[in-house]
Amino acid sequence: MGEFAKLDPLLHSELRLAVMSTLLTMEEADFVYLREATGATAGNLSVQIDKLSEAGYISVEKGFAGKKPRTVCRITETGARAFAAYVEALKSYLH
């Protein structure tokens, strides 16, 4: 049995992985869209977005759409590289 690659613990969370997967296929996504796409509670999603942002995997821009607050997330180059590495690491478990 060969060596298994180490999985990034930050991405090895179902909700954070879902957020990253969504952002990888879109230029940007707002908080409401991510909450609906993942089925997460607002509180849990907020915590996970903060963790991804602190790691530099996503950028978060807070502003307003009219009078409503709007949070927009985008994947960063660092995040895209980390996601690709995570997928490669997962592949080591399939052989």
PDB file of N, CA and C in Angstrom:
ATOM      1  N   MET A   1       0.849  -1.176   0.000  1.00  0.00           N
ATOM      2  CA  MET A   1       0.000   0.000   0.000  1.00  0.00           C
ATOM      3  C   MET A   1       0.894   1.239   0.000  1.00  0.00           C
ATOM      4  N   GLY A   2       0.625   2.165  -0.923  1.00  0.00           N
ATOM      5  CA  GLY A   2       1.455   3.357  -1.065  1.00  0.00           C
ATOM      6  C   GLY A   2       1.081   4.444  -0.079  1.00  0.00           C
ATOM      7  N   GLU A   3       1.796   5.538  -0.189  1.00  0.00           N
ATOM      8  CA  GLU A   3       1.546   6.702   0.665  1.00  0.00           C
ATOM      9  C   GLU A   3       0.285   7.430   0.210  1.00  0.00           C
ATOM     10  N   PHE A   4      -0.464   7.882   1.166  1.00  0.00           N
ATOM     11  CA  PHE A   4      -1.620   8.714   0.864  1.00  0.00           C
ATOM     12  C   PHE A   4      -1.222  10.172   1.039  1.00  0.00           C
ATOM     13  N   ALA A   5      -1.633  10.996   0.096  1.00  0.00           N
ATOM     14  CA  ALA A   5      -1.340  12.421   0.192  1.00  0.00           C
ATOM     15  C   ALA A   5      -2.149  13.025   1.340  1.00  0.00           C
ATOM     16  N   LYS A   6      -1.584  14.033   1.966  1.00  0.00           N
ATOM     17  CA  LYS A   6      -2.266  14.702   3.070  1.00  0.00           C
ATOM     18  C   LYS A   6      -3.381  15.587   2.512  1.00  0.00           C
ATOM     19  N   LEU A   7      -4.565  15.455   3.081  1.00  0.00           N
ATOM     20  CA  LEU A   7      -5.704  16.271   2.652  1.00  0.00           C
ATOM     21  C   LEU A   7      -5.721  17.578   3.432  1.00  0.00           C
ATOM     22  N   ASP A   8      -5.930  18.662   2.733  1.00  0.00           N
ATOM     23  CA  ASP A   8      -6.007  19.988   3.351  1.00  0.00           C
ATOM     24  C   ASP A   8      -7.197  19.995   4.312  1.00  0.00           C
ATOM     25  N   PRO A   9      -6.958  20.114   5.622  1.00  0.00           N
ATOM     26  CA  PRO A   9      -8.056  20.062   6.584  1.00  0.00           C
ATOM     27  C   PRO A   9      -9.067  21.205   6.400  1.00  0.00           C
ATOM     28  N   LEU A  10      -8.614  22.312   5.847  1.00  0.00           N
ATOM     29  CA  LEU A  10      -9.530  23.429   5.620  1.00  0.00           C
ATOM     30  C   LEU A  10     -10.553  23.087   4.541  1.00  0.00           C
ATOM     31  N   LEU A  11     -10.126  22.339   3.543  1.00  0.00           N
ATOM     32  CA  LEU A  11     -11.038  21.966   2.455  1.00  0.00           C
ATOM     33  C   LEU A  11     -11.759  20.657   2.734  1.00  0.00           C
ATOM     34  N   HIS A  12     -11.314  19.926   3.734  1.00  0.00           N
ATOM     35  CA  HIS A  12     -11.901  18.624   4.037  1.00  0.00           C
ATOM     36  C   HIS A  12     -13.114  18.770   4.963  1.00  0.00           C
ATOM     37  N   SER A  13     -13.889  19.783   4.698  1.00  0.00           N
ATOM     38  CA  SER A  13     -15.145  20.039   5.399  1.00  0.00           C
ATOM     39  C   SER A  13     -16.208  20.142   4.320  1.00  0.00           C
ATOM     40  N   GLU A  14     -17.314  19.471   4.506  1.00  0.00           N
ATOM     41  CA  GLU A  14     -18.338  19.423   3.466  1.00  0.00           C
ATOM     42  C   GLU A  14     -18.789  20.818   3.026  1.00  0.00           C
ATOM     43  N   LEU A  15     -19.055  21.695   3.978  1.00  0.00           N
ATOM     44  CA  LEU A  15     -19.558  23.019   3.626  1.00  0.00           C
ATOM     45  C   LEU A  15     -18.483  23.881   2.967  1.00  0.00           C
ATOM     46  N   ARG A  16     -17.262  23.869   3.503  1.00  0.00           N
ATOM     47  CA  ARG A  16     -16.196  24.664   2.876  1.00  0.00           C
ATOM     48  C   ARG A  16     -15.882  24.128   1.486  1.00  0.00           C
ATOM     49  N   LEU A  17     -15.917  22.814   1.315  1.00  0.00           N
ATOM     50  CA  LEU A  17     -15.685  22.213   0.007  1.00  0.00           C
ATOM     51  C   LEU A  17     -16.791  22.619  -0.972  1.00  0.00           C
ATOM     52  N   ALA A  18     -18.031  22.665  -0.499  1.00  0.00           N
ATOM     53  CA  ALA A  18     -19.144  23.085  -1.344  1.00  0.00           C
ATOM     54  C   ALA A  18     -19.008  24.546  -1.764  1.00  0.00           C
ATOM     55  N   VAL A  19     -18.605  25.396  -0.843  1.00  0.00           N
ATOM     56  CA  VAL A  19     -18.403  26.818  -1.161  1.00  0.00           C
ATOM     57  C   VAL A  19     -17.308  26.954  -2.211  1.00  0.00           C
ATOM     58  N   MET A  20     -16.193  26.280  -1.999  1.00  0.00           N
ATOM     59  CA  MET A  20     -15.073  26.366  -2.942  1.00  0.00           C
ATOM     60  C   MET A  20     -15.461  25.815  -4.312  1.00  0.00           C
ATOM     61  N   SER A  21     -16.177  24.704  -4.336  1.00  0.00           N
ATOM     62  CA  SER A  21     -16.605  24.108  -5.605  1.00  0.00           C
ATOM     63  C   SER A  21     -17.513  25.060  -6.368  1.00  0.00           C
ATOM     64  N   THR A  22     -18.413  25.707  -5.654  1.00  0.00           N
ATOM     65  CA  THR A  22     -19.323  26.666  -6.278  1.00  0.00           C
ATOM     66  C   THR A  22     -18.551  27.844  -6.841  1.00  0.00           C
ATOM     67  N   LEU A  23     -17.649  28.393  -6.049  1.00  0.00           N
ATOM     68  CA  LEU A  23     -16.898  29.574  -6.486  1.00  0.00           C
ATOM     69  C   LEU A  23     -15.923  29.248  -7.616  1.00  0.00           C
ATOM     70  N   LEU A  24     -15.471  28.026  -7.702  1.00  0.00           N
ATOM     71  CA  LEU A  24     -14.548  27.633  -8.758  1.00  0.00           C
ATOM     72  C   LEU A  24     -15.213  27.723 -10.132  1.00  0.00           C
ATOM     73  N   THR A  25     -16.520  27.535 -10.167  1.00  0.00           N
ATOM     74  CA  THR A  25     -17.230  27.530 -11.444  1.00  0.00           C
ATOM     75  C   THR A  25     -17.890  28.870 -11.767  1.00  0.00           C
ATOM     76  N   MET A  26     -17.754  29.838 -10.871  1.00  0.00           N
ATOM     77  CA  MET A  26     -18.392  31.138 -11.062  1.00  0.00           C
ATOM     78  C   MET A  26     -17.368  32.240 -10.830  1.00  0.00           C
ATOM     79  N   GLU A  27     -17.574  33.375 -11.447  1.00  0.00           N
ATOM     80  CA  GLU A  27     -16.685  34.507 -11.207  1.00  0.00           C
ATOM     81  C   GLU A  27     -16.844  35.006  -9.774  1.00  0.00           C
ATOM     82  N   GLU A  28     -18.089  35.013  -9.306  1.00  0.00           N
ATOM     83  CA  GLU A  28     -18.380  35.437  -7.935  1.00  0.00           C
ATOM     84  C   GLU A  28     -19.742  34.900  -7.538  1.00  0.00           C
ATOM     85  N   ALA A  29     -19.994  34.873  -6.245  1.00  0.00           N
ATOM     86  CA  ALA A  29     -21.301  34.458  -5.736  1.00  0.00           C
ATOM     87  C   ALA A  29     -21.566  35.242  -4.463  1.00  0.00           C
ATOM     88  N   ASP A  30     -22.821  35.666  -4.310  1.00  0.00           N
ATOM     89  CA  ASP A  30     -23.136  36.392  -3.084  1.00  0.00           C
ATOM     90  C   ASP A  30     -23.574  35.414  -2.000  1.00  0.00           C
ATOM     91  N   PHE A  31     -23.623  35.944  -0.788  1.00  0.00           N
ATOM     92  CA  PHE A  31     -23.910  35.135   0.394  1.00  0.00           C
ATOM     93  C   PHE A  31     -25.239  34.393   0.257  1.00  0.00           C
ATOM     94  N   VAL A  32     -26.264  35.089  -0.226  1.00  0.00           N
ATOM     95  CA  VAL A  32     -27.595  34.479  -0.352  1.00  0.00           C
ATOM     96  C   VAL A  32     -27.535  33.294  -1.315  1.00  0.00           C
ATOM     97  N   TYR A  33     -26.851  33.471  -2.441  1.00  0.00           N
ATOM     98  CA  TYR A  33     -26.727  32.388  -3.412  1.00  0.00           C
ATOM     99  C   TYR A  33     -26.001  31.195  -2.781  1.00  0.00           C
ATOM    100  N   LEU A  34     -24.894  31.458  -2.097  1.00  0.00           N
ATOM    101  CA  LEU A  34     -24.139  30.371  -1.469  1.00  0.00           C
ATOM    102  C   LEU A  34     -24.952  29.658  -0.399  1.00  0.00           C
ATOM    103  N   ARG A  35     -25.734  30.423   0.366  1.00  0.00           N
ATOM    104  CA  ARG A  35     -26.567  29.808   1.402  1.00  0.00           C
ATOM    105  C   ARG A  35     -27.598  28.886   0.761  1.00  0.00           C
ATOM    106  N   GLU A  36     -28.218  29.357  -0.316  1.00  0.00           N
ATOM    107  CA  GLU A  36     -29.235  28.532  -0.985  1.00  0.00           C
ATOM    108  C   GLU A  36     -28.609  27.331  -1.687  1.00  0.00           C
ATOM    109  N   ALA A  37     -27.454  27.528  -2.311  1.00  0.00           N
ATOM    110  CA  ALA A  37     -26.793  26.445  -3.043  1.00  0.00           C
ATOM    111  C   ALA A  37     -26.305  25.342  -2.112  1.00  0.00           C
ATOM    112  N   THR A  38     -25.869  25.722  -0.908  1.00  0.00           N
ATOM    113  CA  THR A  38     -25.313  24.729   0.021  1.00  0.00           C
ATOM    114  C   THR A  38     -26.325  24.204   1.027  1.00  0.00           C
ATOM    115  N   GLY A  39     -27.425  24.930   1.212  1.00  0.00           N
ATOM    116  CA  GLY A  39     -28.417  24.533   2.205  1.00  0.00           C
ATOM    117  C   GLY A  39     -27.957  24.802   3.635  1.00  0.00           C
ATOM    118  N   ALA A  40     -26.924  25.610   3.776  1.00  0.00           N
ATOM    119  CA  ALA A  40     -26.368  25.903   5.097  1.00  0.00           C
ATOM    120  C   ALA A  40     -27.183  26.976   5.808  1.00  0.00           C
ATOM    121  N   THR A  41     -27.055  27.009   7.120  1.00  0.00           N
ATOM    122  CA  THR A  41     -27.651  28.117   7.865  1.00  0.00           C
ATOM    123  C   THR A  41     -26.767  29.338   7.663  1.00  0.00           C
ATOM    124  N   ALA A  42     -27.332  30.508   7.817  1.00  0.00           N
ATOM    125  CA  ALA A  42     -26.575  31.744   7.633  1.00  0.00           C
ATOM    126  C   ALA A  42     -25.392  31.805   8.600  1.00  0.00           C
ATOM    127  N   GLY A  43     -25.614  31.417   9.844  1.00  0.00           N
ATOM    128  CA  GLY A  43     -24.553  31.472  10.848  1.00  0.00           C
ATOM    129  C   GLY A  43     -23.395  30.546  10.515  1.00  0.00           C
ATOM    130  N   ASN A  44     -23.703  29.310  10.148  1.00  0.00           N
ATOM    131  CA  ASN A  44     -22.650  28.350   9.817  1.00  0.00           C
ATOM    132  C   ASN A  44     -21.898  28.786   8.565  1.00  0.00           C
ATOM    133  N   LEU A  45     -22.627  29.233   7.546  1.00  0.00           N
ATOM    134  CA  LEU A  45     -21.984  29.674   6.317  1.00  0.00           C
ATOM    135  C   LEU A  45     -21.059  30.851   6.587  1.00  0.00           C
ATOM    136  N   SER A  46     -21.496  31.774   7.403  1.00  0.00           N
ATOM    137  CA  SER A  46     -20.691  32.943   7.744  1.00  0.00           C
ATOM    138  C   SER A  46     -19.365  32.537   8.387  1.00  0.00           C
ATOM    139  N   VAL A  47     -19.418  31.592   9.310  1.00  0.00           N
ATOM    140  CA  VAL A  47     -18.211  31.103   9.989  1.00  0.00           C
ATOM    141  C   VAL A  47     -17.265  30.451   8.977  1.00  0.00           C
ATOM    142  N   GLN A  48     -17.804  29.637   8.075  1.00  0.00           N
ATOM    143  CA  GLN A  48     -16.970  28.921   7.111  1.00  0.00           C
ATOM    144  C   GLN A  48     -16.369  29.879   6.075  1.00  0.00           C
ATOM    145  N   ILE A  49     -17.132  30.883   5.679  1.00  0.00           N
ATOM    146  CA  ILE A  49     -16.600  31.900   4.762  1.00  0.00           C
ATOM    147  C   ILE A  49     -15.454  32.650   5.425  1.00  0.00           C
ATOM    148  N   ASP A  50     -15.606  32.976   6.704  1.00  0.00           N
ATOM    149  CA  ASP A  50     -14.528  33.652   7.442  1.00  0.00           C
ATOM    150  C   ASP A  50     -13.258  32.800   7.454  1.00  0.00           C
ATOM    151  N   LYS A  51     -13.397  31.498   7.675  1.00  0.00           N
ATOM    152  CA  LYS A  51     -12.239  30.601   7.713  1.00  0.00           C
ATOM    153  C   LYS A  51     -11.538  30.552   6.360  1.00  0.00           C
ATOM    154  N   LEU A  52     -12.318  30.461   5.286  1.00  0.00           N
ATOM    155  CA  LEU A  52     -11.734  30.422   3.941  1.00  0.00           C
ATOM    156  C   LEU A  52     -11.071  31.755   3.600  1.00  0.00           C
ATOM    157  N   SER A  53     -11.675  32.835   4.037  1.00  0.00           N
ATOM    158  CA  SER A  53     -11.122  34.163   3.791  1.00  0.00           C
ATOM    159  C   SER A  53      -9.814  34.359   4.556  1.00  0.00           C
ATOM    160  N   GLU A  54      -9.791  33.955   5.819  1.00  0.00           N
ATOM    161  CA  GLU A  54      -8.578  34.081   6.643  1.00  0.00           C
ATOM    162  C   GLU A  54      -7.415  33.292   6.054  1.00  0.00           C
ATOM    163  N   ALA A  55      -7.716  32.179   5.396  1.00  0.00           N
ATOM    164  CA  ALA A  55      -6.680  31.352   4.772  1.00  0.00           C
ATOM    165  C   ALA A  55      -6.236  31.919   3.428  1.00  0.00           C
ATOM    166  N   GLY A  56      -6.942  32.929   2.938  1.00  0.00           N
ATOM    167  CA  GLY A  56      -6.612  33.512   1.640  1.00  0.00           C
ATOM    168  C   GLY A  56      -7.172  32.730   0.466  1.00  0.00           C
ATOM    169  N   TYR A  57      -8.093  31.804   0.740  1.00  0.00           N
ATOM    170  CA  TYR A  57      -8.673  30.975  -0.328  1.00  0.00           C
ATOM    171  C   TYR A  57      -9.782  31.704  -1.080  1.00  0.00           C
ATOM    172  N   ILE A  58     -10.449  32.629  -0.406  1.00  0.00           N
ATOM    173  CA  ILE A  58     -11.484  33.427  -1.066  1.00  0.00           C
ATOM    174  C   ILE A  58     -11.318  34.889  -0.645  1.00  0.00           C
ATOM    175  N   SER A  59     -11.845  35.773  -1.474  1.00  0.00           N
ATOM    176  CA  SER A  59     -11.917  37.182  -1.085  1.00  0.00           C
ATOM    177  C   SER A  59     -13.382  37.482  -0.798  1.00  0.00           C
ATOM    178  N   VAL A  60     -13.601  38.357   0.158  1.00  0.00           N
ATOM    179  CA  VAL A  60     -14.960  38.708   0.572  1.00  0.00           C
ATOM    180  C   VAL A  60     -15.094  40.219   0.497  1.00  0.00           C
ATOM    181  N   GLU A  61     -16.116  40.649  -0.203  1.00  0.00           N
ATOM    182  CA  GLU A  61     -16.383  42.081  -0.345  1.00  0.00           C
ATOM    183  C   GLU A  61     -17.775  42.363   0.212  1.00  0.00           C
ATOM    184  N   LYS A  62     -17.823  43.225   1.205  1.00  0.00           N
ATOM    185  CA  LYS A  62     -19.115  43.580   1.810  1.00  0.00           C
ATOM    186  C   LYS A  62     -19.518  44.954   1.314  1.00  0.00           C
ATOM    187  N   GLY A  63     -20.774  45.065   0.933  1.00  0.00           N
ATOM    188  CA  GLY A  63     -21.290  46.333   0.436  1.00  0.00           C
ATOM    189  C   GLY A  63     -22.801  46.349   0.557  1.00  0.00           C
ATOM    190  N   PHE A  64     -23.413  47.133  -0.276  1.00  0.00           N
ATOM    191  CA  PHE A  64     -24.869  47.248  -0.263  1.00  0.00           C
ATOM    192  C   PHE A  64     -25.414  47.154  -1.670  1.00  0.00           C
ATOM    193  N   ALA A  65     -26.581  46.544  -1.791  1.00  0.00           N
ATOM    194  CA  ALA A  65     -27.365  46.536  -3.019  1.00  0.00           C
ATOM    195  C   ALA A  65     -28.614  47.326  -2.654  1.00  0.00           C
ATOM    196  N   GLY A  66     -28.605  48.589  -3.017  1.00  0.00           N
ATOM    197  CA  GLY A  66     -29.648  49.480  -2.519  1.00  0.00           C
ATOM    198  C   GLY A  66     -29.406  49.688  -1.039  1.00  0.00           C
ATOM    199  N   LYS A  67     -30.408  49.372  -0.240  1.00  0.00           N
ATOM    200  CA  LYS A  67     -30.255  49.512   1.218  1.00  0.00           C
ATOM    201  C   LYS A  67     -29.958  48.184   1.904  1.00  0.00           C
ATOM    202  N   LYS A  68     -29.919  47.108   1.109  1.00  0.00           N
ATOM    203  CA  LYS A  68     -29.670  45.777   1.692  1.00  0.00           C
ATOM    204  C   LYS A  68     -28.176  45.468   1.691  1.00  0.00           C
ATOM    205  N   PRO A  69     -27.672  44.936   2.805  1.00  0.00           N
ATOM    206  CA  PRO A  69     -26.269  44.517   2.822  1.00  0.00           C
ATOM    207  C   PRO A  69     -26.056  43.360   1.849  1.00  0.00           C
ATOM    208  N   ARG A  70     -24.892  43.354   1.198  1.00  0.00           N
ATOM    209  CA  ARG A  70     -24.582  42.293   0.236  1.00  0.00           C
ATOM    210  C   ARG A  70     -23.121  41.891   0.420  1.00  0.00           C
ATOM    211  N   THR A  71     -22.898  40.592   0.574  1.00  0.00           N
ATOM    212  CA  THR A  71     -21.558  40.031   0.706  1.00  0.00           C
ATOM    213  C   THR A  71     -21.279  39.199  -0.539  1.00  0.00           C
ATOM    214  N   VAL A  72     -20.182  39.531  -1.222  1.00  0.00           N
ATOM    215  CA  VAL A  72     -19.811  38.826  -2.449  1.00  0.00           C
ATOM    216  C   VAL A  72     -18.483  38.111  -2.222  1.00  0.00           C
ATOM    217  N   CYS A  73     -18.442  36.841  -2.630  1.00  0.00           N
ATOM    218  CA  CYS A  73     -17.234  36.027  -2.461  1.00  0.00           C
ATOM    219  C   CYS A  73     -16.676  35.646  -3.831  1.00  0.00           C
ATOM    220  N   ARG A  74     -15.340  35.604  -3.887  1.00  0.00           N
ATOM    221  CA  ARG A  74     -14.633  35.179  -5.094  1.00  0.00           C
ATOM    222  C   ARG A  74     -13.484  34.263  -4.671  1.00  0.00           C
ATOM    223  N   ILE A  75     -13.225  33.250  -5.476  1.00  0.00           N
ATOM    224  CA  ILE A  75     -12.083  32.385  -5.190  1.00  0.00           C
ATOM    225  C   ILE A  75     -10.811  33.137  -5.592  1.00  0.00           C
ATOM    226  N   THR A  76      -9.733  32.950  -4.834  1.00  0.00           N
ATOM    227  CA  THR A  76      -8.457  33.575  -5.146  1.00  0.00           C
ATOM    228  C   THR A  76      -7.570  32.573  -5.886  1.00  0.00           C
ATOM    229  N   GLU A  77      -6.452  33.050  -6.424  1.00  0.00           N
ATOM    230  CA  GLU A  77      -5.498  32.131  -7.057  1.00  0.00           C
ATOM    231  C   GLU A  77      -5.002  31.102  -6.047  1.00  0.00           C
ATOM    232  N   THR A  78      -4.739  31.568  -4.833  1.00  0.00           N
ATOM    233  CA  THR A  78      -4.307  30.667  -3.754  1.00  0.00           C
ATOM    234  C   THR A  78      -5.365  29.598  -3.516  1.00  0.00           C
ATOM    235  N   GLY A  79      -6.631  30.006  -3.476  1.00  0.00           N
ATOM    236  CA  GLY A  79      -7.722  29.067  -3.263  1.00  0.00           C
ATOM    237  C   GLY A  79      -7.855  28.073  -4.398  1.00  0.00           C
ATOM    238  N   ALA A  80      -7.712  28.549  -5.633  1.00  0.00           N
ATOM    239  CA  ALA A  80      -7.812  27.656  -6.791  1.00  0.00           C
ATOM    240  C   ALA A  80      -6.684  26.630  -6.772  1.00  0.00           C
ATOM    241  N   ARG A  81      -5.474  27.071  -6.411  1.00  0.00           N
ATOM    242  CA  ARG A  81      -4.340  26.130  -6.314  1.00  0.00           C
ATOM    243  C   ARG A  81      -4.569  25.121  -5.191  1.00  0.00           C
ATOM    244  N   ALA A  82      -5.059  25.584  -4.054  1.00  0.00           N
ATOM    245  CA  ALA A  82      -5.321  24.686  -2.925  1.00  0.00           C
ATOM    246  C   ALA A  82      -6.395  23.664  -3.290  1.00  0.00           C
ATOM    247  N   PHE A  83      -7.413  24.104  -4.009  1.00  0.00           N
ATOM    248  CA  PHE A  83      -8.486  23.194  -4.422  1.00  0.00           C
ATOM    249  C   PHE A  83      -7.938  22.132  -5.378  1.00  0.00           C
ATOM    250  N   ALA A  84      -7.120  22.557  -6.345  1.00  0.00           N
ATOM    251  CA  ALA A  84      -6.535  21.606  -7.302  1.00  0.00           C
ATOM    252  C   ALA A  84      -5.652  20.593  -6.569  1.00  0.00           C
ATOM    253  N   ALA A  85      -4.867  21.059  -5.604  1.00  0.00           N
ATOM    254  CA  ALA A  85      -4.020  20.159  -4.822  1.00  0.00           C
ATOM    255  C   ALA A  85      -4.866  19.186  -4.005  1.00  0.00           C
ATOM    256  N   TYR A  86      -5.983  19.668  -3.477  1.00  0.00           N
ATOM    257  CA  TYR A  86      -6.881  18.816  -2.697  1.00  0.00           C
ATOM    258  C   TYR A  86      -7.440  17.696  -3.580  1.00  0.00           C
ATOM    259  N   VAL A  87      -7.860  18.056  -4.796  1.00  0.00           N
ATOM    260  CA  VAL A  87      -8.402  17.054  -5.721  1.00  0.00           C
ATOM    261  C   VAL A  87      -7.329  16.018  -6.064  1.00  0.00           C
ATOM    262  N   GLU A  88      -6.096  16.476  -6.305  1.00  0.00           N
ATOM    263  CA  GLU A  88      -5.002  15.542  -6.592  1.00  0.00           C
ATOM    264  C   GLU A  88      -4.743  14.625  -5.399  1.00  0.00           C
ATOM    265  N   ALA A  89      -4.785  15.185  -4.201  1.00  0.00           N
ATOM    266  CA  ALA A  89      -4.580  14.372  -2.993  1.00  0.00           C
ATOM    267  C   ALA A  89      -5.674  13.318  -2.867  1.00  0.00           C
ATOM    268  N   LEU A  90      -6.905  13.699  -3.159  1.00  0.00           N
ATOM    269  CA  LEU A  90      -8.009  12.734  -3.106  1.00  0.00           C
ATOM    270  C   LEU A  90      -7.773  11.581  -4.076  1.00  0.00           C
ATOM    271  N   LYS A  91      -7.238  11.906  -5.235  1.00  0.00           N
ATOM    272  CA  LYS A  91      -6.986  10.872  -6.241  1.00  0.00           C
ATOM    273  C   LYS A  91      -6.027   9.807  -5.709  1.00  0.00           C
ATOM    274  N   SER A  92      -5.115  10.187  -4.819  1.00  0.00           N
ATOM    275  CA  SER A  92      -4.158   9.206  -4.281  1.00  0.00           C
ATOM    276  C   SER A  92      -4.875   8.144  -3.453  1.00  0.00           C
ATOM    277  N   TYR A  93      -6.061   8.435  -2.985  1.00  0.00           N
ATOM    278  CA  TYR A  93      -6.840   7.478  -2.198  1.00  0.00           C
ATOM    279  C   TYR A  93      -7.617   6.503  -3.098  1.00  0.00           C
ATOM    280  N   LEU A  94      -7.705   6.824  -4.378  1.00  0.00           N
ATOM    281  CA  LEU A  94      -8.506   6.001  -5.290  1.00  0.00           C
ATOM    282  C   LEU A  94      -7.707   4.906  -5.969  1.00  0.00           C
ATOM    283  N   HIS A  95      -6.407   4.895  -5.771  1.00  0.00           N
ATOM    284  CA  HIS A  95      -5.557   3.902  -6.454  1.00  0.00           C
ATOM    285  C   HIS A  95      -5.131   2.806  -5.533  1.00  0.00           C
TER     286      HIS A  95
END
